[in-house]
Every structure is written in C-alpha cells, then in structure tokens.
Amino acid sequence: MQIQINTDRNIDGHEALSTHVSEVVKSTLNRVSSHITRVEVHLSDENGQKSSKNDKRCVMEARLEGRAPIAVTEHAETLHQAIDGAAHKLIKSIESTLGRLHDQKTRPSEAHPESARQEE
C-alpha cells in the first residue's frame, strides 16, 4: 500500500508529520491493506494564519483494487485530530464497501430466482 501525502501552503510538511500520517494510515487500515493499492492524504489549514475552530482539514482517499476510490473528510482543531478522525472514517467506509461486496457474492442471484427455488 502506497501512501502519498499532500499539504497546502499553510501546512509545514515536515518529516515528523509525514511519519505520523504514515503510521496512522498503516495501523488503522492494516486489516484491509491487501485490498488497497494507494492512499492519498491531503492536509490543509482552511484559514491560514488565522486561528478558528475546526479549520484543519484532512481528506483521505483510498484506491481499492478494481473499485472506485473511497474518500472521506475530517475537520478538527488540530492536524493530528483531523488525521485520526479521517483514518477512522476511512476504515469504516472501506469495511462497509468490502462487506457489501462480500454479501453480493454470497447471496443467491436476484436475476435467477428459479435457482434459489431449486435449492429449497
């Protein structure tokens, strides 16, 4: 799983921040990492030098094999809170998507109701 980190001009993208983002993404998405090819993380400070409540934003986008990307957004007072919140939203969304895909594979096909009747 490749992790790509992008910051806006108001965020200092230093190595400690990159390490933190990578660790959070890897640990949170560990159990579904085999389904993910890449995670893009976009960090921004929506108000620049001005301080306001929940102005830090983290957008995480996961690219699943053979599926459309899944993206989530989290606003918080600090970057670390935004990163953690986005990671938790992303894992829930991925698990939900993978669960639906699994359910579709295990359910009898709606297109062929006669095959479901034959099994009864």
PDB file of N, CA and C in Angstrom:
ATOM      1  N   MET A   1       0.849  -1.170   0.000  1.00  0.00           N
ATOM      2  CA  MET A   1       0.000   0.000   0.000  1.00  0.00           C
ATOM      3  C   MET A   1       0.895   1.234   0.000  1.00  0.00           C
ATOM      4  N   GLN A   2       0.711   2.033  -1.026  1.00  0.00           N
ATOM      5  CA  GLN A   2       1.479   3.264  -1.159  1.00  0.00           C
ATOM      6  C   GLN A   2       0.713   4.390  -0.475  1.00  0.00           C
ATOM      7  N   ILE A   3       1.440   5.267   0.239  1.00  0.00           N
ATOM      8  CA  ILE A   3       0.828   6.402   0.914  1.00  0.00           C
ATOM      9  C   ILE A   3       1.440   7.676   0.354  1.00  0.00           C
ATOM     10  N   GLN A   4       0.578   8.547  -0.168  1.00  0.00           N
ATOM     11  CA  GLN A   4       1.018   9.811  -0.734  1.00  0.00           C
ATOM     12  C   GLN A   4       0.433  10.936   0.117  1.00  0.00           C
ATOM     13  N   ILE A   5       1.284  11.871   0.561  1.00  0.00           N
ATOM     14  CA  ILE A   5       0.862  12.952   1.444  1.00  0.00           C
ATOM     15  C   ILE A   5       1.044  14.283   0.739  1.00  0.00           C
ATOM     16  N   ASN A   6      -0.032  15.073   0.738  1.00  0.00           N
ATOM     17  CA  ASN A   6      -0.018  16.398   0.113  1.00  0.00           C
ATOM     18  C   ASN A   6      -0.432  17.430   1.159  1.00  0.00           C
ATOM     19  N   THR A   7       0.227  18.585   1.146  1.00  0.00           N
ATOM     20  CA  THR A   7      -0.130  19.653   2.064  1.00  0.00           C
ATOM     21  C   THR A   7      -0.342  20.941   1.288  1.00  0.00           C
ATOM     22  N   ASP A   8      -1.162  21.834   1.849  1.00  0.00           N
ATOM     23  CA  ASP A   8      -1.316  23.131   1.213  1.00  0.00           C
ATOM     24  C   ASP A   8      -0.196  24.055   1.680  1.00  0.00           C
ATOM     25  N   ARG A   9      -0.185  25.276   1.201  1.00  0.00           N
ATOM     26  CA  ARG A   9       0.918  26.193   1.512  1.00  0.00           C
ATOM     27  C   ARG A   9       0.923  26.630   2.981  1.00  0.00           C
ATOM     28  N   ASN A  10      -0.172  26.399   3.703  1.00  0.00           N
ATOM     29  CA  ASN A  10      -0.254  26.789   5.107  1.00  0.00           C
ATOM     30  C   ASN A  10       0.217  25.695   6.075  1.00  0.00           C
ATOM     31  N   ILE A  11       0.521  24.521   5.552  1.00  0.00           N
ATOM     32  CA  ILE A  11       0.952  23.394   6.378  1.00  0.00           C
ATOM     33  C   ILE A  11       2.427  23.112   6.092  1.00  0.00           C
ATOM     34  N   ASP A  12       3.207  23.056   7.147  1.00  0.00           N
ATOM     35  CA  ASP A  12       4.616  22.695   7.021  1.00  0.00           C
ATOM     36  C   ASP A  12       4.701  21.173   6.943  1.00  0.00           C
ATOM     37  N   GLY A  13       4.976  20.641   5.764  1.00  0.00           N
ATOM     38  CA  GLY A  13       5.006  19.199   5.557  1.00  0.00           C
ATOM     39  C   GLY A  13       6.317  18.569   5.982  1.00  0.00           C
ATOM     40  N   HIS A  14       6.709  18.753   7.225  1.00  0.00           N
ATOM     41  CA  HIS A  14       7.987  18.223   7.718  1.00  0.00           C
ATOM     42  C   HIS A  14       7.934  16.706   7.881  1.00  0.00           C
ATOM     43  N   GLU A  15       9.082  16.125   8.067  1.00  0.00           N
ATOM     44  CA  GLU A  15       9.207  14.674   8.121  1.00  0.00           C
ATOM     45  C   GLU A  15       8.439  14.059   9.281  1.00  0.00           C
ATOM     46  N   ALA A  16       8.386  14.726  10.431  1.00  0.00           N
ATOM     47  CA  ALA A  16       7.649  14.190  11.579  1.00  0.00           C
ATOM     48  C   ALA A  16       6.161  14.064  11.260  1.00  0.00           C
ATOM     49  N   LEU A  17       5.618  15.037  10.538  1.00  0.00           N
ATOM     50  CA  LEU A  17       4.208  14.977  10.148  1.00  0.00           C
ATOM     51  C   LEU A  17       3.983  13.823   9.168  1.00  0.00           C
ATOM     52  N   SER A  18       4.867  13.671   8.211  1.00  0.00           N
ATOM     53  CA  SER A  18       4.752  12.578   7.246  1.00  0.00           C
ATOM     54  C   SER A  18       4.827  11.220   7.936  1.00  0.00           C
ATOM     55  N   THR A  19       5.722  11.103   8.894  1.00  0.00           N
ATOM     56  CA  THR A  19       5.852   9.853   9.645  1.00  0.00           C
ATOM     57  C   THR A  19       4.580   9.566  10.425  1.00  0.00           C
ATOM     58  N   HIS A  20       4.033  10.595  11.076  1.00  0.00           N
ATOM     59  CA  HIS A  20       2.791  10.420  11.842  1.00  0.00           C
ATOM     60  C   HIS A  20       1.650   9.968  10.933  1.00  0.00           C
ATOM     61  N   VAL A  21       1.486  10.628   9.799  1.00  0.00           N
ATOM     62  CA  VAL A  21       0.416  10.273   8.862  1.00  0.00           C
ATOM     63  C   VAL A  21       0.581   8.827   8.399  1.00  0.00           C
ATOM     64  N   SER A  22       1.784   8.453   8.011  1.00  0.00           N
ATOM     65  CA  SER A  22       2.034   7.087   7.539  1.00  0.00           C
ATOM     66  C   SER A  22       1.729   6.052   8.610  1.00  0.00           C
ATOM     67  N   GLU A  23       2.146   6.316   9.840  1.00  0.00           N
ATOM     68  CA  GLU A  23       1.889   5.379  10.937  1.00  0.00           C
ATOM     69  C   GLU A  23       0.395   5.227  11.212  1.00  0.00           C
ATOM     70  N   VAL A  24      -0.331   6.344  11.228  1.00  0.00           N
ATOM     71  CA  VAL A  24      -1.776   6.288  11.477  1.00  0.00           C
ATOM     72  C   VAL A  24      -2.476   5.524  10.365  1.00  0.00           C
ATOM     73  N   VAL A  25      -2.140   5.821   9.124  1.00  0.00           N
ATOM     74  CA  VAL A  25      -2.775   5.153   7.992  1.00  0.00           C
ATOM     75  C   VAL A  25      -2.477   3.655   8.023  1.00  0.00           C
ATOM     76  N   LYS A  26      -1.224   3.291   8.198  1.00  0.00           N
ATOM     77  CA  LYS A  26      -0.853   1.871   8.207  1.00  0.00           C
ATOM     78  C   LYS A  26      -1.510   1.113   9.347  1.00  0.00           C
ATOM     79  N   SER A  27      -1.503   1.682  10.547  1.00  0.00           N
ATOM     80  CA  SER A  27      -2.071   0.952  11.684  1.00  0.00           C
ATOM     81  C   SER A  27      -3.598   0.874  11.594  1.00  0.00           C
ATOM     82  N   THR A  28      -4.236   1.930  11.137  1.00  0.00           N
ATOM     83  CA  THR A  28      -5.696   1.923  11.064  1.00  0.00           C
ATOM     84  C   THR A  28      -6.206   1.036   9.935  1.00  0.00           C
ATOM     85  N   LEU A  29      -5.537   1.052   8.804  1.00  0.00           N
ATOM     86  CA  LEU A  29      -6.001   0.297   7.634  1.00  0.00           C
ATOM     87  C   LEU A  29      -5.337  -1.064   7.492  1.00  0.00           C
ATOM     88  N   ASN A  30      -4.589  -1.482   8.476  1.00  0.00           N
ATOM     89  CA  ASN A  30      -3.815  -2.721   8.411  1.00  0.00           C
ATOM     90  C   ASN A  30      -4.646  -3.924   7.973  1.00  0.00           C
ATOM     91  N   ARG A  31      -5.821  -4.103   8.570  1.00  0.00           N
ATOM     92  CA  ARG A  31      -6.594  -5.324   8.294  1.00  0.00           C
ATOM     93  C   ARG A  31      -7.213  -5.358   6.897  1.00  0.00           C
ATOM     94  N   VAL A  32      -7.252  -4.217   6.196  1.00  0.00           N
ATOM     95  CA  VAL A  32      -7.786  -4.203   4.828  1.00  0.00           C
ATOM     96  C   VAL A  32      -6.719  -3.798   3.810  1.00  0.00           C
ATOM     97  N   SER A  33      -5.482  -3.719   4.237  1.00  0.00           N
ATOM     98  CA  SER A  33      -4.406  -3.215   3.371  1.00  0.00           C
ATOM     99  C   SER A  33      -4.203  -4.054   2.110  1.00  0.00           C
ATOM    100  N   SER A  34      -4.566  -5.322   2.142  1.00  0.00           N
ATOM    101  CA  SER A  34      -4.386  -6.159   0.951  1.00  0.00           C
ATOM    102  C   SER A  34      -5.326  -5.751  -0.187  1.00  0.00           C
ATOM    103  N   HIS A  35      -6.377  -5.007   0.117  1.00  0.00           N
ATOM    104  CA  HIS A  35      -7.331  -4.549  -0.891  1.00  0.00           C
ATOM    105  C   HIS A  35      -7.011  -3.148  -1.411  1.00  0.00           C
ATOM    106  N   ILE A  36      -6.039  -2.479  -0.782  1.00  0.00           N
ATOM    107  CA  ILE A  36      -5.748  -1.084  -1.097  1.00  0.00           C
ATOM    108  C   ILE A  36      -4.446  -0.983  -1.888  1.00  0.00           C
ATOM    109  N   THR A  37      -4.488  -0.224  -2.981  1.00  0.00           N
ATOM    110  CA  THR A  37      -3.260  -0.012  -3.745  1.00  0.00           C
ATOM    111  C   THR A  37      -2.574   1.276  -3.310  1.00  0.00           C
ATOM    112  N   ARG A  38      -3.384   2.320  -3.018  1.00  0.00           N
ATOM    113  CA  ARG A  38      -2.788   3.604  -2.641  1.00  0.00           C
ATOM    114  C   ARG A  38      -3.750   4.387  -1.757  1.00  0.00           C
ATOM    115  N   VAL A  39      -3.163   5.169  -0.841  1.00  0.00           N
ATOM    116  CA  VAL A  39      -3.931   6.108  -0.030  1.00  0.00           C
ATOM    117  C   VAL A  39      -3.329   7.483  -0.246  1.00  0.00           C
ATOM    118  N   GLU A  40      -4.178   8.434  -0.619  1.00  0.00           N
ATOM    119  CA  GLU A  40      -3.739   9.815  -0.761  1.00  0.00           C
ATOM    120  C   GLU A  40      -4.288  10.601   0.415  1.00  0.00           C
ATOM    121  N   VAL A  41      -3.415  11.380   1.049  1.00  0.00           N
ATOM    122  CA  VAL A  41      -3.799  12.193   2.192  1.00  0.00           C
ATOM    123  C   VAL A  41      -3.544  13.653   1.824  1.00  0.00           C
ATOM    124  N   HIS A  42      -4.570  14.472   1.971  1.00  0.00           N
ATOM    125  CA  HIS A  42      -4.478  15.900   1.678  1.00  0.00           C
ATOM    126  C   HIS A  42      -4.729  16.668   2.966  1.00  0.00           C
ATOM    127  N   LEU A  43      -3.736  17.419   3.415  1.00  0.00           N
ATOM    128  CA  LEU A  43      -3.840  18.195   4.652  1.00  0.00           C
ATOM    129  C   LEU A  43      -3.900  19.671   4.324  1.00  0.00           C
ATOM    130  N   SER A  44      -4.796  20.372   4.994  1.00  0.00           N
ATOM    131  CA  SER A  44      -4.892  21.809   4.745  1.00  0.00           C
ATOM    132  C   SER A  44      -5.344  22.553   5.993  1.00  0.00           C
ATOM    133  N   ASP A  45      -4.980  23.813   6.018  1.00  0.00           N
ATOM    134  CA  ASP A  45      -5.414  24.742   7.052  1.00  0.00           C
ATOM    135  C   ASP A  45      -6.279  25.766   6.324  1.00  0.00           C
ATOM    136  N   GLU A  46      -7.580  25.651   6.493  1.00  0.00           N
ATOM    137  CA  GLU A  46      -8.506  26.433   5.682  1.00  0.00           C
ATOM    138  C   GLU A  46      -8.465  27.928   5.944  1.00  0.00           C
ATOM    139  N   ASN A  47      -7.962  28.335   7.106  1.00  0.00           N
ATOM    140  CA  ASN A  47      -7.920  29.765   7.425  1.00  0.00           C
ATOM    141  C   ASN A  47      -6.504  30.318   7.479  1.00  0.00           C
ATOM    142  N   GLY A  48      -5.548  29.565   7.038  1.00  0.00           N
ATOM    143  CA  GLY A  48      -4.166  30.044   7.013  1.00  0.00           C
ATOM    144  C   GLY A  48      -3.665  30.451   8.384  1.00  0.00           C
ATOM    145  N   GLN A  49      -3.169  31.656   8.495  1.00  0.00           N
ATOM    146  CA  GLN A  49      -2.571  32.128   9.749  1.00  0.00           C
ATOM    147  C   GLN A  49      -3.615  32.459  10.810  1.00  0.00           C
ATOM    148  N   LYS A  50      -4.852  32.654  10.414  1.00  0.00           N
ATOM    149  CA  LYS A  50      -5.913  32.930  11.388  1.00  0.00           C
ATOM    150  C   LYS A  50      -6.273  31.642  12.109  1.00  0.00           C
ATOM    151  N   SER A  51      -6.594  31.765  13.360  1.00  0.00           N
ATOM    152  CA  SER A  51      -6.971  30.595  14.140  1.00  0.00           C
ATOM    153  C   SER A  51      -8.485  30.573  14.313  1.00  0.00           C
ATOM    154  N   SER A  52      -9.082  29.449  13.998  1.00  0.00           N
ATOM    155  CA  SER A  52     -10.509  29.284  14.225  1.00  0.00           C
ATOM    156  C   SER A  52     -10.792  27.817  14.517  1.00  0.00           C
ATOM    157  N   LYS A  53     -11.957  27.573  15.038  1.00  0.00           N
ATOM    158  CA  LYS A  53     -12.329  26.218  15.432  1.00  0.00           C
ATOM    159  C   LYS A  53     -12.504  25.335  14.196  1.00  0.00           C
ATOM    160  N   ASN A  54     -11.937  24.159  14.258  1.00  0.00           N
ATOM    161  CA  ASN A  54     -12.070  23.139  13.214  1.00  0.00           C
ATOM    162  C   ASN A  54     -11.631  23.609  11.823  1.00  0.00           C
ATOM    163  N   ASP A  55     -10.530  24.344  11.768  1.00  0.00           N
ATOM    164  CA  ASP A  55     -10.053  24.830  10.470  1.00  0.00           C
ATOM    165  C   ASP A  55      -9.006  23.922   9.830  1.00  0.00           C
ATOM    166  N   LYS A  56      -8.602  22.872  10.530  1.00  0.00           N
ATOM    167  CA  LYS A  56      -7.661  21.904   9.957  1.00  0.00           C
ATOM    168  C   LYS A  56      -8.477  20.817   9.266  1.00  0.00           C
ATOM    169  N   ARG A  57      -8.072  20.493   8.043  1.00  0.00           N
ATOM    170  CA  ARG A  57      -8.826  19.518   7.263  1.00  0.00           C
ATOM    171  C   ARG A  57      -7.917  18.410   6.770  1.00  0.00           C
ATOM    172  N   CYS A  58      -8.427  17.196   6.840  1.00  0.00           N
ATOM    173  CA  CYS A  58      -7.726  16.038   6.295  1.00  0.00           C
ATOM    174  C   CYS A  58      -8.693  15.291   5.387  1.00  0.00           C
ATOM    175  N   VAL A  59      -8.293  15.151   4.138  1.00  0.00           N
ATOM    176  CA  VAL A  59      -9.052  14.341   3.184  1.00  0.00           C
ATOM    177  C   VAL A  59      -8.212  13.108   2.904  1.00  0.00           C
ATOM    178  N   MET A  60      -8.800  11.934   3.079  1.00  0.00           N
ATOM    179  CA  MET A  60      -8.115  10.676   2.760  1.00  0.00           C
ATOM    180  C   MET A  60      -8.897   9.966   1.671  1.00  0.00           C
ATOM    181  N   GLU A  61      -8.158   9.516   0.677  1.00  0.00           N
ATOM    182  CA  GLU A  61      -8.753   8.795  -0.436  1.00  0.00           C
ATOM    183  C   GLU A  61      -8.029   7.469  -0.592  1.00  0.00           C
ATOM    184  N   ALA A  62      -8.776   6.387  -0.510  1.00  0.00           N
ATOM    185  CA  ALA A  62      -8.204   5.052  -0.678  1.00  0.00           C
ATOM    186  C   ALA A  62      -8.587   4.520  -2.046  1.00  0.00           C
ATOM    187  N   ARG A  63      -7.616   3.971  -2.732  1.00  0.00           N
ATOM    188  CA  ARG A  63      -7.856   3.341  -4.027  1.00  0.00           C
ATOM    189  C   ARG A  63      -7.866   1.833  -3.808  1.00  0.00           C
ATOM    190  N   LEU A  64      -9.035   1.258  -4.018  1.00  0.00           N
ATOM    191  CA  LEU A  64      -9.193  -0.184  -3.866  1.00  0.00           C
ATOM    192  C   LEU A  64      -9.002  -0.855  -5.218  1.00  0.00           C
ATOM    193  N   GLU A  65      -8.476  -2.063  -5.197  1.00  0.00           N
ATOM    194  CA  GLU A  65      -8.246  -2.810  -6.431  1.00  0.00           C
ATOM    195  C   GLU A  65      -9.563  -2.990  -7.183  1.00  0.00           C
ATOM    196  N   GLY A  66      -9.606  -2.499  -8.411  1.00  0.00           N
ATOM    197  CA  GLY A  66     -10.766  -2.720  -9.254  1.00  0.00           C
ATOM    198  C   GLY A  66     -12.031  -1.982  -8.835  1.00  0.00           C
ATOM    199  N   ARG A  67     -11.931  -1.015  -7.968  1.00  0.00           N
ATOM    200  CA  ARG A  67     -13.101  -0.280  -7.465  1.00  0.00           C
ATOM    201  C   ARG A  67     -12.865   1.216  -7.574  1.00  0.00           C
ATOM    202  N   ALA A  68     -13.939   1.958  -7.469  1.00  0.00           N
ATOM    203  CA  ALA A  68     -13.835   3.413  -7.438  1.00  0.00           C
ATOM    204  C   ALA A  68     -13.179   3.835  -6.118  1.00  0.00           C
ATOM    205  N   PRO A  69     -12.454   4.943  -6.122  1.00  0.00           N
ATOM    206  CA  PRO A  69     -11.822   5.413  -4.888  1.00  0.00           C
ATOM    207  C   PRO A  69     -12.867   5.751  -3.822  1.00  0.00           C
ATOM    208  N   ILE A  70     -12.467   5.614  -2.577  1.00  0.00           N
ATOM    209  CA  ILE A  70     -13.311   5.984  -1.437  1.00  0.00           C
ATOM    210  C   ILE A  70     -12.630   7.148  -0.750  1.00  0.00           C
ATOM    211  N   ALA A  71     -13.352   8.250  -0.579  1.00  0.00           N
ATOM    212  CA  ALA A  71     -12.771   9.444   0.039  1.00  0.00           C
ATOM    213  C   ALA A  71     -13.608   9.886   1.237  1.00  0.00           C
ATOM    214  N   VAL A  72     -12.913  10.372   2.263  1.00  0.00           N
ATOM    215  CA  VAL A  72     -13.565  10.913   3.455  1.00  0.00           C
ATOM    216  C   VAL A  72     -12.871  12.218   3.831  1.00  0.00           C
ATOM    217  N   THR A  73     -13.585  13.052   4.580  1.00  0.00           N
ATOM    218  CA  THR A  73     -13.045  14.332   5.022  1.00  0.00           C
ATOM    219  C   THR A  73     -13.301  14.486   6.509  1.00  0.00           C
ATOM    220  N   GLU A  74     -12.322  15.021   7.219  1.00  0.00           N
ATOM    221  CA  GLU A  74     -12.466  15.306   8.647  1.00  0.00           C
ATOM    222  C   GLU A  74     -11.926  16.697   8.931  1.00  0.00           C
ATOM    223  N   HIS A  75     -12.715  17.488   9.635  1.00  0.00           N
ATOM    224  CA  HIS A  75     -12.289  18.804  10.113  1.00  0.00           C
ATOM    225  C   HIS A  75     -12.059  18.706  11.618  1.00  0.00           C
ATOM    226  N   ALA A  76     -11.010  19.360  12.116  1.00  0.00           N
ATOM    227  CA  ALA A  76     -10.723  19.333  13.543  1.00  0.00           C
ATOM    228  C   ALA A  76      -9.907  20.564  13.927  1.00  0.00           C
ATOM    229  N   GLU A  77      -9.674  20.697  15.233  1.00  0.00           N
ATOM    230  CA  GLU A  77      -8.890  21.833  15.722  1.00  0.00           C
ATOM    231  C   GLU A  77      -7.400  21.659  15.477  1.00  0.00           C
ATOM    232  N   THR A  78      -6.927  20.396  15.422  1.00  0.00           N
ATOM    233  CA  THR A  78      -5.507  20.140  15.165  1.00  0.00           C
ATOM    234  C   THR A  78      -5.365  19.174  13.986  1.00  0.00           C
ATOM    235  N   LEU A  79      -4.206  19.197  13.369  1.00  0.00           N
ATOM    236  CA  LEU A  79      -3.955  18.261  12.268  1.00  0.00           C
ATOM    237  C   LEU A  79      -4.008  16.817  12.732  1.00  0.00           C
ATOM    238  N   HIS A  80      -3.449  16.549  13.914  1.00  0.00           N
ATOM    239  CA  HIS A  80      -3.443  15.170  14.419  1.00  0.00           C
ATOM    240  C   HIS A  80      -4.866  14.659  14.626  1.00  0.00           C
ATOM    241  N   GLN A  81      -5.745  15.495  15.150  1.00  0.00           N
ATOM    242  CA  GLN A  81      -7.136  15.088  15.328  1.00  0.00           C
ATOM    243  C   GLN A  81      -7.813  14.852  13.977  1.00  0.00           C
ATOM    244  N   ALA A  82      -7.537  15.713  13.025  1.00  0.00           N
ATOM    245  CA  ALA A  82      -8.122  15.563  11.688  1.00  0.00           C
ATOM    246  C   ALA A  82      -7.630  14.279  11.020  1.00  0.00           C
ATOM    247  N   ILE A  83      -6.357  13.979  11.164  1.00  0.00           N
ATOM    248  CA  ILE A  83      -5.778  12.761  10.579  1.00  0.00           C
ATOM    249  C   ILE A  83      -6.392  11.520  11.211  1.00  0.00           C
ATOM    250  N   ASP A  84      -6.453  11.490  12.532  1.00  0.00           N
ATOM    251  CA  ASP A  84      -7.035  10.338  13.232  1.00  0.00           C
ATOM    252  C   ASP A  84      -8.501  10.153  12.859  1.00  0.00           C
ATOM    253  N   GLY A  85      -9.250  11.248  12.845  1.00  0.00           N
ATOM    254  CA  GLY A  85     -10.669  11.167  12.511  1.00  0.00           C
ATOM    255  C   GLY A  85     -10.902  10.677  11.093  1.00  0.00           C
ATOM    256  N   ALA A  86     -10.127  11.185  10.154  1.00  0.00           N
ATOM    257  CA  ALA A  86     -10.269  10.760   8.764  1.00  0.00           C
ATOM    258  C   ALA A  86      -9.914   9.284   8.606  1.00  0.00           C
ATOM    259  N   ALA A  87      -8.874   8.835   9.284  1.00  0.00           N
ATOM    260  CA  ALA A  87      -8.474   7.423   9.193  1.00  0.00           C
ATOM    261  C   ALA A  87      -9.585   6.508   9.708  1.00  0.00           C
ATOM    262  N   HIS A  88     -10.231   6.898  10.806  1.00  0.00           N
ATOM    263  CA  HIS A  88     -11.315   6.075  11.350  1.00  0.00           C
ATOM    264  C   HIS A  88     -12.543   6.090  10.440  1.00  0.00           C
ATOM    265  N   LYS A  89     -12.850   7.228   9.854  1.00  0.00           N
ATOM    266  CA  LYS A  89     -13.950   7.281   8.889  1.00  0.00           C
ATOM    267  C   LYS A  89     -13.638   6.402   7.680  1.00  0.00           C
ATOM    268  N   LEU A  90     -12.383   6.444   7.231  1.00  0.00           N
ATOM    269  CA  LEU A  90     -11.998   5.690   6.044  1.00  0.00           C
ATOM    270  C   LEU A  90     -12.090   4.189   6.274  1.00  0.00           C
ATOM    271  N   ILE A  91     -11.628   3.699   7.405  1.00  0.00           N
ATOM    272  CA  ILE A  91     -11.702   2.259   7.661  1.00  0.00           C
ATOM    273  C   ILE A  91     -13.153   1.800   7.726  1.00  0.00           C
ATOM    274  N   LYS A  92     -14.025   2.594   8.333  1.00  0.00           N
ATOM    275  CA  LYS A  92     -15.444   2.227   8.395  1.00  0.00           C
ATOM    276  C   LYS A  92     -16.042   2.164   6.991  1.00  0.00           C
ATOM    277  N   SER A  93     -15.703   3.132   6.165  1.00  0.00           N
ATOM    278  CA  SER A  93     -16.226   3.168   4.809  1.00  0.00           C
ATOM    279  C   SER A  93     -15.710   1.999   3.972  1.00  0.00           C
ATOM    280  N   ILE A  94     -14.427   1.700   4.095  1.00  0.00           N
ATOM    281  CA  ILE A  94     -13.843   0.572   3.353  1.00  0.00           C
ATOM    282  C   ILE A  94     -14.456  -0.741   3.814  1.00  0.00           C
ATOM    283  N   GLU A  95     -14.560  -0.939   5.122  1.00  0.00           N
ATOM    284  CA  GLU A  95     -15.143  -2.184   5.634  1.00  0.00           C
ATOM    285  C   GLU A  95     -16.593  -2.333   5.196  1.00  0.00           C
ATOM    286  N   SER A  96     -17.326  -1.242   5.155  1.00  0.00           N
ATOM    287  CA  SER A  96     -18.706  -1.278   4.688  1.00  0.00           C
ATOM    288  C   SER A  96     -18.767  -1.681   3.218  1.00  0.00           C
ATOM    289  N   THR A  97     -17.909  -1.082   2.410  1.00  0.00           N
ATOM    290  CA  THR A  97     -17.859  -1.407   0.985  1.00  0.00           C
ATOM    291  C   THR A  97     -17.472  -2.865   0.764  1.00  0.00           C
ATOM    292  N   LEU A  98     -16.437  -3.316   1.442  1.00  0.00           N
ATOM    293  CA  LEU A  98     -15.991  -4.706   1.286  1.00  0.00           C
ATOM    294  C   LEU A  98     -17.048  -5.681   1.798  1.00  0.00           C
ATOM    295  N   GLY A  99     -17.751  -5.308   2.855  1.00  0.00           N
ATOM    296  CA  GLY A  99     -18.824  -6.151   3.394  1.00  0.00           C
ATOM    297  C   GLY A  99     -19.957  -6.293   2.392  1.00  0.00           C
ATOM    298  N   ARG A 100     -20.343  -5.188   1.743  1.00  0.00           N
ATOM    299  CA  ARG A 100     -21.398  -5.249   0.730  1.00  0.00           C
ATOM    300  C   ARG A 100     -20.965  -6.120  -0.447  1.00  0.00           C
ATOM    301  N   LEU A 101     -19.717  -5.995  -0.853  1.00  0.00           N
ATOM    302  CA  LEU A 101     -19.222  -6.817  -1.964  1.00  0.00           C
ATOM    303  C   LEU A 101     -19.260  -8.293  -1.593  1.00  0.00           C
ATOM    304  N   HIS A 102     -18.884  -8.599  -0.370  1.00  0.00           N
ATOM    305  CA  HIS A 102     -18.906  -9.984   0.095  1.00  0.00           C
ATOM    306  C   HIS A 102     -20.342 -10.500   0.140  1.00  0.00           C
ATOM    307  N   ASP A 103     -21.270  -9.672   0.630  1.00  0.00           N
ATOM    308  CA  ASP A 103     -22.679 -10.068   0.692  1.00  0.00           C
ATOM    309  C   ASP A 103     -23.231 -10.347  -0.695  1.00  0.00           C
ATOM    310  N   GLN A 104     -22.852  -9.534  -1.678  1.00  0.00           N
ATOM    311  CA  GLN A 104     -23.335  -9.730  -3.042  1.00  0.00           C
ATOM    312  C   GLN A 104     -22.838 -11.049  -3.614  1.00  0.00           C
ATOM    313  N   LYS A 105     -21.647 -11.434  -3.262  1.00  0.00           N
ATOM    314  CA  LYS A 105     -21.084 -12.683  -3.782  1.00  0.00           C
ATOM    315  C   LYS A 105     -21.722 -13.904  -3.133  1.00  0.00           C
ATOM    316  N   THR A 106     -22.168 -13.792  -1.886  1.00  0.00           N
ATOM    317  CA  THR A 106     -22.693 -14.951  -1.172  1.00  0.00           C
ATOM    318  C   THR A 106     -24.199 -15.096  -1.275  1.00  0.00           C
ATOM    319  N   ARG A 107     -24.932 -14.045  -1.686  1.00  0.00           N
ATOM    320  CA  ARG A 107     -26.389 -14.098  -1.834  1.00  0.00           C
ATOM    321  C   ARG A 107     -26.764 -14.767  -3.145  1.00  0.00           C
ATOM    322  N   PRO A 108     -27.910 -15.511  -3.160  1.00  0.00           N
ATOM    323  CA  PRO A 108     -28.391 -16.031  -4.443  1.00  0.00           C
ATOM    324  C   PRO A 108     -28.724 -14.873  -5.368  1.00  0.00           C
ATOM    325  N   SER A 109     -28.514 -15.078  -6.614  1.00  0.00           N
ATOM    326  CA  SER A 109     -28.720 -14.019  -7.600  1.00  0.00           C
ATOM    327  C   SER A 109     -30.198 -13.672  -7.725  1.00  0.00           C
ATOM    328  N   GLU A 110     -30.511 -12.372  -7.719  1.00  0.00           N
ATOM    329  CA  GLU A 110     -31.874 -11.897  -7.915  1.00  0.00           C
ATOM    330  C   GLU A 110     -32.301 -12.125  -9.366  1.00  0.00           C
ATOM    331  N   ALA A 111     -31.346 -12.162 -10.267  1.00  0.00           N
ATOM    332  CA  ALA A 111     -31.655 -12.309 -11.687  1.00  0.00           C
ATOM    333  C   ALA A 111     -32.169 -13.709 -12.029  1.00  0.00           C
ATOM    334  N   HIS A 112     -31.843 -14.697 -11.192  1.00  0.00           N
ATOM    335  CA  HIS A 112     -32.242 -16.077 -11.451  1.00  0.00           C
ATOM    336  C   HIS A 112     -32.979 -16.637 -10.241  1.00  0.00           C
ATOM    337  N   PRO A 113     -34.232 -16.196  -9.994  1.00  0.00           N
ATOM    338  CA  PRO A 113     -34.946 -16.660  -8.816  1.00  0.00           C
ATOM    339  C   PRO A 113     -35.248 -18.157  -8.856  1.00  0.00           C
ATOM    340  N   GLU A 114     -35.303 -18.756 -10.064  1.00  0.00           N
ATOM    341  CA  GLU A 114     -35.570 -20.190 -10.131  1.00  0.00           C
ATOM    342  C   GLU A 114     -34.438 -21.003  -9.518  1.00  0.00           C
ATOM    343  N   SER A 115     -33.193 -20.522  -9.598  1.00  0.00           N
ATOM    344  CA  SER A 115     -32.084 -21.256  -8.983  1.00  0.00           C
ATOM    345  C   SER A 115     -32.183 -21.213  -7.472  1.00  0.00           C
ATOM    346  N   ALA A 116     -32.725 -20.141  -6.928  1.00  0.00           N
ATOM    347  CA  ALA A 116     -32.905 -20.063  -5.478  1.00  0.00           C
ATOM    348  C   ALA A 116     -34.011 -20.996  -5.036  1.00  0.00           C
ATOM    349  N   ARG A 117     -35.079 -21.162  -5.879  1.00  0.00           N
ATOM    350  CA  ARG A 117     -36.181 -22.054  -5.521  1.00  0.00           C
ATOM    351  C   ARG A 117     -35.735 -23.505  -5.557  1.00  0.00           C
ATOM    352  N   GLN A 118     -34.857 -23.857  -6.488  1.00  0.00           N
ATOM    353  CA  GLN A 118     -34.403 -25.237  -6.612  1.00  0.00           C
ATOM    354  C   GLN A 118     -33.627 -25.679  -5.387  1.00  0.00           C
ATOM    355  N   GLU A 119     -32.975 -24.729  -4.709  1.00  0.00           N
ATOM    356  CA  GLU A 119     -32.195 -25.087  -3.539  1.00  0.00           C
ATOM    357  C   GLU A 119     -33.069 -25.392  -2.344  1.00  0.00           C
ATOM    358  N   GLU A 120     -34.339 -24.932  -2.347  1.00  0.00           N
ATOM    359  CA  GLU A 120     -35.216 -25.105  -1.178  1.00  0.00           C
ATOM    360  C   GLU A 120     -35.666 -26.512  -1.010  1.00  0.00           C
TER     361      GLU A 120
END
